[in-house]
Protein backbone atom coordinates (compact mmCIF):
# COMPACT_ATOMS: atom_id res chain seq x y z
CA MET A 1 -19.17 57.43 104.62
CA ALA A 2 -19.31 53.67 104.21
CA THR A 3 -18.19 51.64 101.23
CA HIS A 4 -19.64 48.22 100.55
CA PHE A 5 -17.78 45.65 98.46
CA ALA A 6 -18.65 42.34 96.81
CA ARG A 7 -16.64 40.11 94.50
CA GLY A 8 -17.31 37.00 92.53
CA ILE A 9 -15.61 34.47 90.30
CA LEU A 10 -16.54 34.46 86.62
CA THR A 11 -17.87 31.00 85.81
CA ASP A 12 -20.62 30.31 83.31
CA GLY A 13 -24.02 30.61 84.89
CA GLN A 14 -22.72 31.18 88.43
CA LEU A 15 -23.02 34.96 88.74
CA VAL A 16 -26.60 35.45 87.68
CA SER A 17 -29.43 37.36 89.25
CA VAL A 18 -33.18 37.49 88.81
CA ARG A 19 -32.87 41.20 89.63
CA LEU A 20 -31.50 42.13 86.20
CA PRO A 21 -33.94 43.99 83.97
CA SER A 22 -34.48 42.79 80.41
CA SER A 23 -32.52 45.84 79.16
CA CYS A 24 -29.33 44.36 80.71
CA HIS A 25 -29.85 41.08 78.89
CA ASP A 26 -30.62 42.93 75.64
CA LEU A 27 -27.38 44.93 75.87
CA ALA A 28 -25.40 41.81 76.78
CA ARG A 29 -26.54 39.97 73.65
CA ALA A 30 -24.74 42.55 71.50
CA LEU A 31 -21.40 42.04 73.29
CA PRO A 32 -18.66 39.52 72.48
CA GLU A 33 -18.93 36.43 74.71
CA HIS A 34 -16.09 37.36 77.10
CA HIS A 35 -17.47 40.87 77.60
CA ARG A 36 -21.00 39.52 77.91
CA THR A 37 -19.99 37.27 80.84
CA ARG A 38 -18.21 40.13 82.63
CA TYR A 39 -21.04 42.57 81.93
CA LEU A 40 -23.78 40.28 83.26
CA ALA A 41 -21.70 39.17 86.26
CA SER A 42 -20.91 42.74 87.33
CA ARG A 43 -24.53 43.83 86.94
CA ALA A 44 -25.73 40.75 88.84
CA LEU A 45 -23.39 41.49 91.75
CA LEU A 46 -24.42 45.13 91.71
CA ALA A 47 -28.11 44.18 91.62
CA GLU A 48 -27.76 41.87 94.61
CA LEU A 49 -25.76 44.44 96.59
CA VAL A 50 -28.33 47.16 95.83
CA PHE A 51 -31.07 44.77 96.93
CA MET A 52 -29.32 43.94 100.21
CA LEU A 53 -28.51 47.58 101.01
CA TYR A 54 -31.54 49.43 99.63
CA GLY A 55 -34.23 46.82 99.09
CA LEU A 56 -34.57 47.51 95.34
CA SER A 57 -35.89 44.35 93.70
CA GLU A 58 -34.56 45.24 90.25
CA LEU A 59 -31.28 46.83 89.21
CA PRO A 60 -31.97 50.51 88.50
CA GLU A 61 -31.19 51.97 85.09
CA ILE A 62 -27.50 52.61 84.49
CA ILE A 63 -26.16 55.24 82.10
CA ILE A 64 -22.61 55.79 80.91
CA GLN A 65 -21.19 59.28 81.47
CA SER A 66 -19.10 61.00 78.81
CA ASN A 67 -15.94 59.96 80.72
CA GLY A 68 -17.01 56.30 80.44
CA ARG A 69 -18.04 55.89 84.08
CA PRO A 70 -21.29 53.98 84.66
CA VAL A 71 -23.72 55.62 87.10
CA PHE A 72 -27.32 55.13 88.07
CA ALA A 73 -29.66 57.30 86.00
CA ASP A 74 -31.43 58.22 89.24
CA ARG A 75 -28.96 60.66 90.83
CA SER A 76 -30.41 60.02 94.29
CA LEU A 77 -28.90 56.52 94.22
CA PRO A 78 -25.32 55.93 95.39
CA HIS A 79 -22.19 55.94 93.28
CA PHE A 80 -20.61 52.60 92.46
CA SER A 81 -17.53 51.22 90.80
CA LEU A 82 -16.96 48.01 88.84
CA ALA A 83 -13.61 46.27 88.37
CA TYR A 84 -12.36 43.12 86.70
CA VAL A 85 -9.14 41.12 86.99
CA GLY A 86 -8.59 37.68 85.54
CA ASN A 87 -11.69 35.65 86.31
CA MET A 88 -12.89 37.93 89.14
CA VAL A 89 -15.33 40.81 89.18
CA GLY A 90 -15.74 43.33 91.99
CA VAL A 91 -18.37 45.92 92.87
CA ALA A 92 -18.07 48.78 95.35
CA ILE A 93 -20.89 51.09 96.45
CA ALA A 94 -20.31 54.31 98.41
CA THR A 95 -23.08 55.50 100.71
CA SER A 96 -21.98 59.08 100.01
CA GLY A 97 -19.53 60.64 97.59
CA LEU A 98 -17.65 58.87 94.82
CA CYS A 99 -15.82 55.57 95.00
CA GLY A 100 -13.33 53.79 92.83
CA LEU A 101 -12.31 50.16 92.78
CA ASN A 102 -9.11 48.65 91.44
CA MET A 103 -8.35 44.97 91.70
CA ALA A 104 -4.94 43.43 91.11
């Protein structure tokens, strides 16, 4: 099992991706500004990591499980974890099994 990790610094307009579907932007508009920045940045990092690892040109649909964990709607795609601390965001993807990410 391999785990892939990416992190970025939250600065306006810096963590953006053309790989985000319009549904991500629609959801982000309903969020408070601070949450909107984190939401879009984490999805942008995830989209770029998924593109690099799997060649998917657009971030696949994400659903939220009853326990609050985001997962890809397509169960054949890998598990991932998102974490935030201060002005940083991190994304981990596990090639098999579950993964969790905590940043301090």
